């Protein structure tokens, strides 16, 4: 695993992977797409090995929907992407939309501390 993706581990421990998927589309379709993506994560994603968290965002102008999922490892994320149910639903969602598809490692989480 580390030969192909050398950043998958730090000090021998796997790094969490964040997958960001965003579709630019007709504003009249954003609510429907946001609902479909949310349903996909709830009905399929949460049951897949390695799934940590999913978030779905709709732009304030309605022109894009973004989904962000976090996985324990890149390998487990890849297994989820190749899941047949996920593939069929994403294929139907992606038709006619401009897609941004990014895989990245979580570097840090910053939250305010109490004073």
C-alpha atoms as a PDB file:
ATOM      1  CA  UNK A   1       0.000   0.000   0.000  1.00  0.00           C
ATOM      2  CA  UNK A   2       2.707   2.504   0.860  1.00  0.00           C
ATOM      3  CA  UNK A   3       4.696   1.926  -2.357  1.00  0.00           C
ATOM      4  CA  UNK A   4       1.854   3.109  -4.568  1.00  0.00           C
ATOM      5  CA  UNK A   5       0.613   5.798  -2.177  1.00  0.00           C
ATOM      6  CA  UNK A   6       3.557   6.774   0.042  1.00  0.00           C
ATOM      7  CA  UNK A   7       1.512   9.334   1.992  1.00  0.00           C
ATOM      8  CA  UNK A   8      -1.017   6.710   3.136  1.00  0.00           C
ATOM      9  CA  UNK A   9       0.838   6.197   6.396  1.00  0.00           C
ATOM     10  CA  UNK A  10       2.675   8.293   8.949  1.00  0.00           C
ATOM     11  CA  UNK A  11       4.998   6.462  11.317  1.00  0.00           C
ATOM     12  CA  UNK A  12       3.463   3.155  10.215  1.00  0.00           C
ATOM     13  CA  UNK A  13      -0.116   4.231  10.981  1.00  0.00           C
ATOM     14  CA  UNK A  14      -2.740   4.663   8.236  1.00  0.00           C
ATOM     15  CA  UNK A  15      -3.995   8.193   7.600  1.00  0.00           C
ATOM     16  CA  UNK A  16      -7.653   9.067   7.268  1.00  0.00           C
ATOM     17  CA  UNK A  17      -8.695   9.903   3.712  1.00  0.00           C
ATOM     18  CA  UNK A  18     -11.233  12.557   2.786  1.00  0.00           C
ATOM     19  CA  UNK A  19     -13.103  12.277  -0.498  1.00  0.00           C
ATOM     20  CA  UNK A  20     -14.619  15.498  -1.823  1.00  0.00           C
ATOM     21  CA  UNK A  21     -17.133  15.221  -4.653  1.00  0.00           C
ATOM     22  CA  UNK A  22     -18.818  18.294  -6.046  1.00  0.00           C
ATOM     23  CA  UNK A  23     -21.282  18.693  -8.911  1.00  0.00           C
ATOM     24  CA  UNK A  24     -21.986  22.018 -10.622  1.00  0.00           C
ATOM     25  CA  UNK A  25     -25.478  21.951 -12.071  1.00  0.00           C
ATOM     26  CA  UNK A  26     -28.706  23.713 -12.882  1.00  0.00           C
ATOM     27  CA  UNK A  27     -29.943  25.419  -9.665  1.00  0.00           C
ATOM     28  CA  UNK A  28     -33.370  23.800 -10.101  1.00  0.00           C
ATOM     29  CA  UNK A  29     -31.786  20.358  -9.649  1.00  0.00           C
ATOM     30  CA  UNK A  30     -29.621  21.010  -6.580  1.00  0.00           C
ATOM     31  CA  UNK A  31     -32.215  20.095  -3.939  1.00  0.00           C
ATOM     32  CA  UNK A  32     -32.968  16.802  -5.672  1.00  0.00           C
ATOM     33  CA  UNK A  33     -29.268  15.992  -6.047  1.00  0.00           C
ATOM     34  CA  UNK A  34     -28.512  16.923  -2.426  1.00  0.00           C
ATOM     35  CA  UNK A  35     -31.304  14.589  -1.306  1.00  0.00           C
ATOM     36  CA  UNK A  36     -30.088  11.720  -3.507  1.00  0.00           C
ATOM     37  CA  UNK A  37     -26.492  12.051  -2.311  1.00  0.00           C
ATOM     38  CA  UNK A  38     -27.620  12.271   1.318  1.00  0.00           C
ATOM     39  CA  UNK A  39     -29.760   9.151   0.868  1.00  0.00           C
ATOM     40  CA  UNK A  40     -26.834   7.330  -0.748  1.00  0.00           C
ATOM     41  CA  UNK A  41     -24.522   8.091   2.161  1.00  0.00           C
ATOM     42  CA  UNK A  42     -27.190   7.147   4.726  1.00  0.00           C
ATOM     43  CA  UNK A  43     -28.385   3.965   3.050  1.00  0.00           C
ATOM     44  CA  UNK A  44     -25.127   2.617   1.640  1.00  0.00           C
ATOM     45  CA  UNK A  45     -22.112   4.577   2.900  1.00  0.00           C
ATOM     46  CA  UNK A  46     -22.648   4.077   6.613  1.00  0.00           C
ATOM     47  CA  UNK A  47     -22.711   0.315   6.090  1.00  0.00           C
ATOM     48  CA  UNK A  48     -19.397   0.160   4.254  1.00  0.00           C
ATOM     49  CA  UNK A  49     -16.228  -0.833   6.075  1.00  0.00           C
ATOM     50  CA  UNK A  50     -14.022   2.113   6.956  1.00  0.00           C
ATOM     51  CA  UNK A  51     -16.704   4.802   6.671  1.00  0.00           C
ATOM     52  CA  UNK A  52     -16.170   7.477   9.336  1.00  0.00           C
ATOM     53  CA  UNK A  53     -18.341  10.444   8.418  1.00  0.00           C
ATOM     54  CA  UNK A  54     -20.286  12.018   5.579  1.00  0.00           C
ATOM     55  CA  UNK A  55     -21.424  15.590   4.986  1.00  0.00           C
ATOM     56  CA  UNK A  56     -23.492  17.036   2.149  1.00  0.00           C
ATOM     57  CA  UNK A  57     -23.459  20.742   1.258  1.00  0.00           C
ATOM     58  CA  UNK A  58     -25.668  22.759  -1.073  1.00  0.00           C
ATOM     59  CA  UNK A  59     -24.318  26.092  -2.365  1.00  0.00           C
ATOM     60  CA  UNK A  60     -26.249  29.200  -1.363  1.00  0.00           C
ATOM     61  CA  UNK A  61     -26.859  29.998  -5.041  1.00  0.00           C
ATOM     62  CA  UNK A  62     -28.067  26.441  -5.676  1.00  0.00           C
ATOM     63  CA  UNK A  63     -25.521  25.858  -8.432  1.00  0.00           C
ATOM     64  CA  UNK A  64     -23.569  23.056  -6.774  1.00  0.00           C
ATOM     65  CA  UNK A  65     -23.805  20.181  -4.349  1.00  0.00           C
ATOM     66  CA  UNK A  66     -20.725  18.944  -2.517  1.00  0.00           C
ATOM     67  CA  UNK A  67     -20.326  15.715  -0.562  1.00  0.00           C
ATOM     68  CA  UNK A  68     -17.412  15.080   1.757  1.00  0.00           C
ATOM     69  CA  UNK A  69     -16.814  11.631   3.190  1.00  0.00           C
ATOM     70  CA  UNK A  70     -14.061  10.522   5.540  1.00  0.00           C
ATOM     71  CA  UNK A  71     -12.627   7.005   5.503  1.00  0.00           C
ATOM     72  CA  UNK A  72     -10.207   5.184   7.809  1.00  0.00           C
ATOM     73  CA  UNK A  73      -7.844   4.360   4.917  1.00  0.00           C
ATOM     74  CA  UNK A  74      -7.472   4.935   1.171  1.00  0.00           C
ATOM     75  CA  UNK A  75      -7.877   1.196   0.597  1.00  0.00           C
ATOM     76  CA  UNK A  76     -11.270   1.150   2.354  1.00  0.00           C
ATOM     77  CA  UNK A  77     -12.375   4.256   0.431  1.00  0.00           C
ATOM     78  CA  UNK A  78     -11.374   2.571  -2.848  1.00  0.00           C
ATOM     79  CA  UNK A  79     -13.359  -0.532  -1.894  1.00  0.00           C
ATOM     80  CA  UNK A  80     -16.404   1.664  -1.323  1.00  0.00           C
ATOM     81  CA  UNK A  81     -16.000   3.433  -4.657  1.00  0.00           C
ATOM     82  CA  UNK A  82     -16.025   0.080  -6.438  1.00  0.00           C
ATOM     83  CA  UNK A  83     -19.177  -1.007  -4.601  1.00  0.00           C
ATOM     84  CA  UNK A  84     -21.766  -1.740  -7.310  1.00  0.00           C
ATOM     85  CA  UNK A  85     -24.644   0.070  -5.553  1.00  0.00           C
ATOM     86  CA  UNK A  86     -22.528   3.216  -5.121  1.00  0.00           C
ATOM     87  CA  UNK A  87     -21.350   3.076  -8.736  1.00  0.00           C
ATOM     88  CA  UNK A  88     -24.850   2.780 -10.209  1.00  0.00           C
ATOM     89  CA  UNK A  89     -26.248   5.660  -8.150  1.00  0.00           C
ATOM     90  CA  UNK A  90     -23.283   7.965  -8.773  1.00  0.00           C
ATOM     91  CA  UNK A  91     -23.390   7.254 -12.495  1.00  0.00           C
ATOM     92  CA  UNK A  92     -27.027   8.351 -12.664  1.00  0.00           C
ATOM     93  CA  UNK A  93     -26.314  11.449 -10.562  1.00  0.00           C
ATOM     94  CA  UNK A  94     -23.311  12.568 -12.597  1.00  0.00           C
ATOM     95  CA  UNK A  95     -24.969  12.742 -15.992  1.00  0.00           C
ATOM     96  CA  UNK A  96     -25.186  16.326 -17.189  1.00  0.00           C
ATOM     97  CA  UNK A  97     -23.195  17.809 -14.299  1.00  0.00           C
ATOM     98  CA  UNK A  98     -19.653  19.145 -14.156  1.00  0.00           C
ATOM     99  CA  UNK A  99     -17.888  17.056 -11.509  1.00  0.00           C
ATOM    100  CA  UNK A 100     -14.982  17.843  -9.197  1.00  0.00           C
ATOM    101  CA  UNK A 101     -13.618  14.683  -7.598  1.00  0.00           C
ATOM    102  CA  UNK A 102     -10.732  15.015  -5.112  1.00  0.00           C
ATOM    103  CA  UNK A 103      -9.089  12.583  -2.705  1.00  0.00           C
ATOM    104  CA  UNK A 104      -6.977  14.105   0.052  1.00  0.00           C
ATOM    105  CA  UNK A 105      -5.548  13.352   3.461  1.00  0.00           C
ATOM    106  CA  UNK A 106      -6.789  15.095   6.530  1.00  0.00           C
ATOM    107  CA  UNK A 107      -3.942  17.254   7.759  1.00  0.00           C
ATOM    108  CA  UNK A 108      -5.553  18.926  10.746  1.00  0.00           C
ATOM    109  CA  UNK A 109      -8.805  19.731  12.480  1.00  0.00           C
ATOM    110  CA  UNK A 110      -9.068  23.137  14.109  1.00  0.00           C
ATOM    111  CA  UNK A 111     -11.847  23.925  16.546  1.00  0.00           C
ATOM    112  CA  UNK A 112     -12.142  26.835  18.953  1.00  0.00           C
ATOM    113  CA  UNK A 113     -11.170  26.204  22.542  1.00  0.00           C
ATOM    114  CA  UNK A 114     -13.069  27.535  25.505  1.00  0.00           C
ATOM    115  CA  UNK A 115     -11.498  30.590  27.083  1.00  0.00           C
END
